[in-house]
């Protein structure tokens, strides 16, 4: 989800979303709104992602062992 998409879903500006991403303006009310838009429990915003979540890497795919 882009910042613009998230800002629209939150009913706010892209600048506000950027500040939240930087850790500014983080109130419980803000975190509650974020969790509702993302459709995740609020507690999940405080938990480090598991190893099952992988970052998308660019470039050639890895060679698989045959």
PDB file of N, CA and C in Angstrom:
ATOM      1  N   UNK A   1       0.858  -1.165   0.000  1.00  0.00           N
ATOM      2  CA  UNK A   1       0.000   0.000   0.000  1.00  0.00           C
ATOM      3  C   UNK A   1       0.913   1.239   0.000  1.00  0.00           C
ATOM      4  N   UNK A   2       0.642   2.136  -0.903  1.00  0.00           N
ATOM      5  CA  UNK A   2       1.448   3.357  -0.982  1.00  0.00           C
ATOM      6  C   UNK A   2       1.031   4.333   0.119  1.00  0.00           C
ATOM      7  N   UNK A   3       1.882   5.321   0.353  1.00  0.00           N
ATOM      8  CA  UNK A   3       1.531   6.351   1.337  1.00  0.00           C
ATOM      9  C   UNK A   3       0.259   7.077   0.922  1.00  0.00           C
ATOM     10  N   UNK A   4       0.111   7.316  -0.375  1.00  0.00           N
ATOM     11  CA  UNK A   4      -1.087   8.015  -0.858  1.00  0.00           C
ATOM     12  C   UNK A   4      -2.337   7.176  -0.610  1.00  0.00           C
ATOM     13  N   UNK A   5      -2.264   5.867  -0.877  1.00  0.00           N
ATOM     14  CA  UNK A   5      -3.405   4.985  -0.634  1.00  0.00           C
ATOM     15  C   UNK A   5      -3.743   4.941   0.852  1.00  0.00           C
ATOM     16  N   UNK A   6      -2.697   4.836   1.672  1.00  0.00           N
ATOM     17  CA  UNK A   6      -2.907   4.768   3.115  1.00  0.00           C
ATOM     18  C   UNK A   6      -3.486   6.074   3.636  1.00  0.00           C
ATOM     19  N   UNK A   7      -2.977   7.190   3.150  1.00  0.00           N
ATOM     20  CA  UNK A   7      -3.488   8.503   3.568  1.00  0.00           C
ATOM     21  C   UNK A   7      -4.963   8.637   3.207  1.00  0.00           C
ATOM     22  N   UNK A   8      -5.333   8.180   2.034  1.00  0.00           N
ATOM     23  CA  UNK A   8      -6.732   8.248   1.619  1.00  0.00           C
ATOM     24  C   UNK A   8      -7.604   7.386   2.523  1.00  0.00           C
ATOM     25  N   UNK A   9      -7.135   6.175   2.826  1.00  0.00           N
ATOM     26  CA  UNK A   9      -7.891   5.277   3.699  1.00  0.00           C
ATOM     27  C   UNK A   9      -8.020   5.852   5.111  1.00  0.00           C
ATOM     28  N   UNK A  10      -7.005   6.561   5.564  1.00  0.00           N
ATOM     29  CA  UNK A  10      -7.020   7.172   6.891  1.00  0.00           C
ATOM     30  C   UNK A  10      -7.775   8.496   6.900  1.00  0.00           C
ATOM     31  N   UNK A  11      -8.025   9.061   5.720  1.00  0.00           N
ATOM     32  CA  UNK A  11      -8.684  10.360   5.650  1.00  0.00           C
ATOM     33  C   UNK A  11      -7.761  11.481   6.082  1.00  0.00           C
ATOM     34  N   UNK A  12      -6.490  11.365   5.705  1.00  0.00           N
ATOM     35  CA  UNK A  12      -5.486  12.338   6.111  1.00  0.00           C
ATOM     36  C   UNK A  12      -4.532  12.614   4.956  1.00  0.00           C
ATOM     37  N   UNK A  13      -3.451  13.329   5.226  1.00  0.00           N
ATOM     38  CA  UNK A  13      -2.512  13.701   4.163  1.00  0.00           C
ATOM     39  C   UNK A  13      -1.326  12.743   4.107  1.00  0.00           C
ATOM     40  N   UNK A  14      -0.643  12.746   2.978  1.00  0.00           N
ATOM     41  CA  UNK A  14       0.570  11.946   2.806  1.00  0.00           C
ATOM     42  C   UNK A  14       1.638  12.430   3.783  1.00  0.00           C
ATOM     43  N   UNK A  15       1.697  13.716   4.025  1.00  0.00           N
ATOM     44  CA  UNK A  15       2.676  14.259   4.966  1.00  0.00           C
ATOM     45  C   UNK A  15       2.450  13.697   6.374  1.00  0.00           C
ATOM     46  N   UNK A  16       1.204  13.576   6.780  1.00  0.00           N
ATOM     47  CA  UNK A  16       0.882  13.013   8.085  1.00  0.00           C
ATOM     48  C   UNK A  16       1.334  11.558   8.156  1.00  0.00           C
ATOM     49  N   UNK A  17       1.069  10.790   7.105  1.00  0.00           N
ATOM     50  CA  UNK A  17       1.487   9.385   7.056  1.00  0.00           C
ATOM     51  C   UNK A  17       3.008   9.293   7.156  1.00  0.00           C
ATOM     52  N   UNK A  18       3.709  10.163   6.456  1.00  0.00           N
ATOM     53  CA  UNK A  18       5.166  10.176   6.505  1.00  0.00           C
ATOM     54  C   UNK A  18       5.665  10.434   7.925  1.00  0.00           C
ATOM     55  N   UNK A  19       5.036  11.369   8.630  1.00  0.00           N
ATOM     56  CA  UNK A  19       5.439  11.667  10.006  1.00  0.00           C
ATOM     57  C   UNK A  19       5.187  10.477  10.930  1.00  0.00           C
ATOM     58  N   UNK A  20       4.076   9.791  10.709  1.00  0.00           N
ATOM     59  CA  UNK A  20       3.772   8.599  11.509  1.00  0.00           C
ATOM     60  C   UNK A  20       4.819   7.514  11.251  1.00  0.00           C
ATOM     61  N   UNK A  21       5.207   7.329   9.997  1.00  0.00           N
ATOM     62  CA  UNK A  21       6.235   6.340   9.667  1.00  0.00           C
ATOM     63  C   UNK A  21       7.562   6.663  10.343  1.00  0.00           C
ATOM     64  N   UNK A  22       7.827   7.931  10.562  1.00  0.00           N
ATOM     65  CA  UNK A  22       9.059   8.357  11.226  1.00  0.00           C
ATOM     66  C   UNK A  22       8.949   8.257  12.748  1.00  0.00           C
ATOM     67  N   UNK A  23       7.772   7.877  13.235  1.00  0.00           N
ATOM     68  CA  UNK A  23       7.585   7.734  14.676  1.00  0.00           C
ATOM     69  C   UNK A  23       7.048   8.970  15.346  1.00  0.00           C
ATOM     70  N   UNK A  24       6.671   9.961  14.591  1.00  0.00           N
ATOM     71  CA  UNK A  24       6.090  11.181  15.145  1.00  0.00           C
ATOM     72  C   UNK A  24       4.576  11.021  15.250  1.00  0.00           C
ATOM     73  N   UNK A  25       3.976  11.739  16.165  1.00  0.00           N
ATOM     74  CA  UNK A  25       2.517  11.766  16.294  1.00  0.00           C
ATOM     75  C   UNK A  25       1.935  10.380  16.597  1.00  0.00           C
ATOM     76  N   UNK A  26       2.683   9.559  17.334  1.00  0.00           N
ATOM     77  CA  UNK A  26       2.191   8.222  17.650  1.00  0.00           C
ATOM     78  C   UNK A  26       1.460   8.210  18.988  1.00  0.00           C
ATOM     79  N   UNK A  27       0.185   8.423  18.910  1.00  0.00           N
ATOM     80  CA  UNK A  27      -0.665   8.317  20.088  1.00  0.00           C
ATOM     81  C   UNK A  27      -1.409   6.987  20.002  1.00  0.00           C
ATOM     82  N   UNK A  28      -2.033   6.589  21.086  1.00  0.00           N
ATOM     83  CA  UNK A  28      -2.830   5.361  21.052  1.00  0.00           C
ATOM     84  C   UNK A  28      -3.981   5.491  20.063  1.00  0.00           C
ATOM     85  N   UNK A  29      -4.548   6.667  19.958  1.00  0.00           N
ATOM     86  CA  UNK A  29      -5.627   6.897  18.998  1.00  0.00           C
ATOM     87  C   UNK A  29      -5.112   6.707  17.570  1.00  0.00           C
ATOM     88  N   UNK A  30      -3.933   7.233  17.292  1.00  0.00           N
ATOM     89  CA  UNK A  30      -3.335   7.066  15.964  1.00  0.00           C
ATOM     90  C   UNK A  30      -3.102   5.593  15.674  1.00  0.00           C
ATOM     91  N   UNK A  31      -2.526   4.874  16.628  1.00  0.00           N
ATOM     92  CA  UNK A  31      -2.255   3.449  16.432  1.00  0.00           C
ATOM     93  C   UNK A  31      -3.541   2.648  16.255  1.00  0.00           C
ATOM     94  N   UNK A  32      -4.579   3.051  16.956  1.00  0.00           N
ATOM     95  CA  UNK A  32      -5.874   2.382  16.797  1.00  0.00           C
ATOM     96  C   UNK A  32      -6.418   2.600  15.383  1.00  0.00           C
ATOM     97  N   UNK A  33      -6.311   3.818  14.884  1.00  0.00           N
ATOM     98  CA  UNK A  33      -6.768   4.116  13.519  1.00  0.00           C
ATOM     99  C   UNK A  33      -5.967   3.333  12.487  1.00  0.00           C
ATOM    100  N   UNK A  34      -4.650   3.269  12.683  1.00  0.00           N
ATOM    101  CA  UNK A  34      -3.779   2.534  11.765  1.00  0.00           C
ATOM    102  C   UNK A  34      -4.169   1.057  11.746  1.00  0.00           C
ATOM    103  N   UNK A  35      -4.370   0.469  12.918  1.00  0.00           N
ATOM    104  CA  UNK A  35      -4.722  -0.951  12.975  1.00  0.00           C
ATOM    105  C   UNK A  35      -6.063  -1.227  12.300  1.00  0.00           C
ATOM    106  N   UNK A  36      -7.003  -0.313  12.411  1.00  0.00           N
ATOM    107  CA  UNK A  36      -8.304  -0.500  11.751  1.00  0.00           C
ATOM    108  C   UNK A  36      -8.166  -0.444  10.233  1.00  0.00           C
ATOM    109  N   UNK A  37      -7.381   0.504   9.735  1.00  0.00           N
ATOM    110  CA  UNK A  37      -7.191   0.617   8.287  1.00  0.00           C
ATOM    111  C   UNK A  37      -6.461  -0.611   7.739  1.00  0.00           C
ATOM    112  N   UNK A  38      -5.469  -1.095   8.479  1.00  0.00           N
ATOM    113  CA  UNK A  38      -4.703  -2.265   8.044  1.00  0.00           C
ATOM    114  C   UNK A  38      -5.428  -3.580   8.334  1.00  0.00           C
ATOM    115  N   UNK A  39      -6.518  -3.491   9.096  1.00  0.00           N
ATOM    116  CA  UNK A  39      -7.307  -4.661   9.483  1.00  0.00           C
ATOM    117  C   UNK A  39      -6.454  -5.693  10.216  1.00  0.00           C
ATOM    118  N   UNK A  40      -5.690  -5.206  11.196  1.00  0.00           N
ATOM    119  CA  UNK A  40      -4.866  -6.075  12.044  1.00  0.00           C
ATOM    120  C   UNK A  40      -5.125  -5.691  13.496  1.00  0.00           C
ATOM    121  N   UNK A  41      -4.907  -6.627  14.418  1.00  0.00           N
ATOM    122  CA  UNK A  41      -5.042  -6.263  15.833  1.00  0.00           C
ATOM    123  C   UNK A  41      -3.998  -5.224  16.216  1.00  0.00           C
ATOM    124  N   UNK A  42      -4.360  -4.308  17.090  1.00  0.00           N
ATOM    125  CA  UNK A  42      -3.444  -3.236  17.478  1.00  0.00           C
ATOM    126  C   UNK A  42      -2.150  -3.803  18.066  1.00  0.00           C
ATOM    127  N   UNK A  43      -2.219  -4.914  18.782  1.00  0.00           N
ATOM    128  CA  UNK A  43      -1.032  -5.506  19.390  1.00  0.00           C
ATOM    129  C   UNK A  43      -0.002  -5.898  18.329  1.00  0.00           C
ATOM    130  N   UNK A  44      -0.451  -6.215  17.128  1.00  0.00           N
ATOM    131  CA  UNK A  44       0.487  -6.620  16.066  1.00  0.00           C
ATOM    132  C   UNK A  44       1.393  -5.468  15.635  1.00  0.00           C
ATOM    133  N   UNK A  45       1.024  -4.245  15.955  1.00  0.00           N
ATOM    134  CA  UNK A  45       1.867  -3.097  15.636  1.00  0.00           C
ATOM    135  C   UNK A  45       3.068  -3.011  16.571  1.00  0.00           C
ATOM    136  N   UNK A  46       3.027  -3.770  17.674  1.00  0.00           N
ATOM    137  CA  UNK A  46       4.103  -3.744  18.662  1.00  0.00           C
ATOM    138  C   UNK A  46       5.004  -4.974  18.596  1.00  0.00           C
ATOM    139  N   UNK A  47       4.619  -5.958  17.793  1.00  0.00           N
ATOM    140  CA  UNK A  47       5.339  -7.223  17.732  1.00  0.00           C
ATOM    141  C   UNK A  47       6.219  -7.242  16.490  1.00  0.00           C
ATOM    142  N   UNK A  48       7.461  -7.702  16.666  1.00  0.00           N
ATOM    143  CA  UNK A  48       8.375  -7.805  15.534  1.00  0.00           C
ATOM    144  C   UNK A  48       7.867  -8.878  14.575  1.00  0.00           C
ATOM    145  N   UNK A  49       7.911  -8.621  13.270  1.00  0.00           N
ATOM    146  CA  UNK A  49       7.433  -9.618  12.304  1.00  0.00           C
ATOM    147  C   UNK A  49       8.219 -10.923  12.430  1.00  0.00           C
ATOM    148  N   UNK A  50       7.547 -12.018  12.122  1.00  0.00           N
ATOM    149  CA  UNK A  50       8.210 -13.317  12.161  1.00  0.00           C
ATOM    150  C   UNK A  50       9.058 -13.504  10.921  1.00  0.00           C
ATOM    151  N   UNK A  51       9.867 -14.543  10.930  1.00  0.00           N
ATOM    152  CA  UNK A  51      10.726 -14.825   9.787  1.00  0.00           C
ATOM    153  C   UNK A  51       9.921 -15.223   8.562  1.00  0.00           C
ATOM    154  N   UNK A  52       8.658 -15.590   8.749  1.00  0.00           N
ATOM    155  CA  UNK A  52       7.814 -15.980   7.624  1.00  0.00           C
ATOM    156  C   UNK A  52       7.561 -14.806   6.683  1.00  0.00           C
ATOM    157  N   UNK A  53       7.668 -13.585   7.212  1.00  0.00           N
ATOM    158  CA  UNK A  53       7.496 -12.394   6.386  1.00  0.00           C
ATOM    159  C   UNK A  53       8.833 -12.107   5.729  1.00  0.00           C
ATOM    160  N   UNK A  54       8.862 -12.104   4.409  1.00  0.00           N
ATOM    161  CA  UNK A  54      10.102 -11.895   3.681  1.00  0.00           C
ATOM    162  C   UNK A  54      10.051 -10.597   2.898  1.00  0.00           C
ATOM    163  N   UNK A  55      11.188  -9.960   2.850  1.00  0.00           N
ATOM    164  CA  UNK A  55      11.294  -8.744   2.046  1.00  0.00           C
ATOM    165  C   UNK A  55      11.421  -9.145   0.583  1.00  0.00           C
ATOM    166  N   UNK A  56      10.874  -8.337  -0.276  1.00  0.00           N
ATOM    167  CA  UNK A  56      10.987  -8.586  -1.705  1.00  0.00           C
ATOM    168  C   UNK A  56      12.314  -8.028  -2.175  1.00  0.00           C
ATOM    169  N   UNK A  57      13.118  -8.887  -2.754  1.00  0.00           N
ATOM    170  CA  UNK A  57      14.418  -8.454  -3.248  1.00  0.00           C
ATOM    171  C   UNK A  57      14.374  -8.397  -4.762  1.00  0.00           C
ATOM    172  N   UNK A  58      15.059  -7.413  -5.287  1.00  0.00           N
ATOM    173  CA  UNK A  58      15.106  -7.254  -6.736  1.00  0.00           C
ATOM    174  C   UNK A  58      16.327  -7.979  -7.286  1.00  0.00           C
ATOM    175  N   UNK A  59      16.268  -8.293  -8.529  1.00  0.00           N
ATOM    176  CA  UNK A  59      17.402  -8.962  -9.156  1.00  0.00           C
ATOM    177  C   UNK A  59      17.032 -10.346  -9.608  1.00  0.00           C
ATOM    178  N   UNK A  60      18.045 -11.106  -9.933  1.00  0.00           N
ATOM    179  CA  UNK A  60      17.824 -12.467 -10.415  1.00  0.00           C
ATOM    180  C   UNK A  60      17.319 -13.366  -9.290  1.00  0.00           C
ATOM    181  N   UNK A  61      16.445 -14.292  -9.660  1.00  0.00           N
ATOM    182  CA  UNK A  61      15.993 -15.253  -8.634  1.00  0.00           C
ATOM    183  C   UNK A  61      17.151 -16.189  -8.263  1.00  0.00           C
ATOM    184  N   UNK A  62      17.091 -16.711  -7.045  1.00  0.00           N
ATOM    185  CA  UNK A  62      18.126 -17.635  -6.605  1.00  0.00           C
ATOM    186  C   UNK A  62      18.027 -18.937  -7.389  1.00  0.00           C
ATOM    187  N   UNK A  63      19.190 -19.564  -7.577  1.00  0.00           N
ATOM    188  CA  UNK A  63      19.198 -20.876  -8.204  1.00  0.00           C
ATOM    189  C   UNK A  63      18.716 -21.883  -7.181  1.00  0.00           C
ATOM    190  N   UNK A  64      17.863 -22.791  -7.634  1.00  0.00           N
ATOM    191  CA  UNK A  64      17.384 -23.820  -6.744  1.00  0.00           C
ATOM    192  C   UNK A  64      18.185 -25.086  -6.942  1.00  0.00           C
ATOM    193  N   UNK A  65      18.327 -25.846  -5.872  1.00  0.00           N
ATOM    194  CA  UNK A  65      19.053 -27.101  -5.965  1.00  0.00           C
ATOM    195  C   UNK A  65      18.169 -28.139  -6.589  1.00  0.00           C
ATOM    196  N   UNK A  66      18.707 -28.921  -7.501  1.00  0.00           N
ATOM    197  CA  UNK A  66      17.916 -29.945  -8.187  1.00  0.00           C
ATOM    198  C   UNK A  66      17.993 -31.261  -7.479  1.00  0.00           C
TER     199      UNK A  66
END
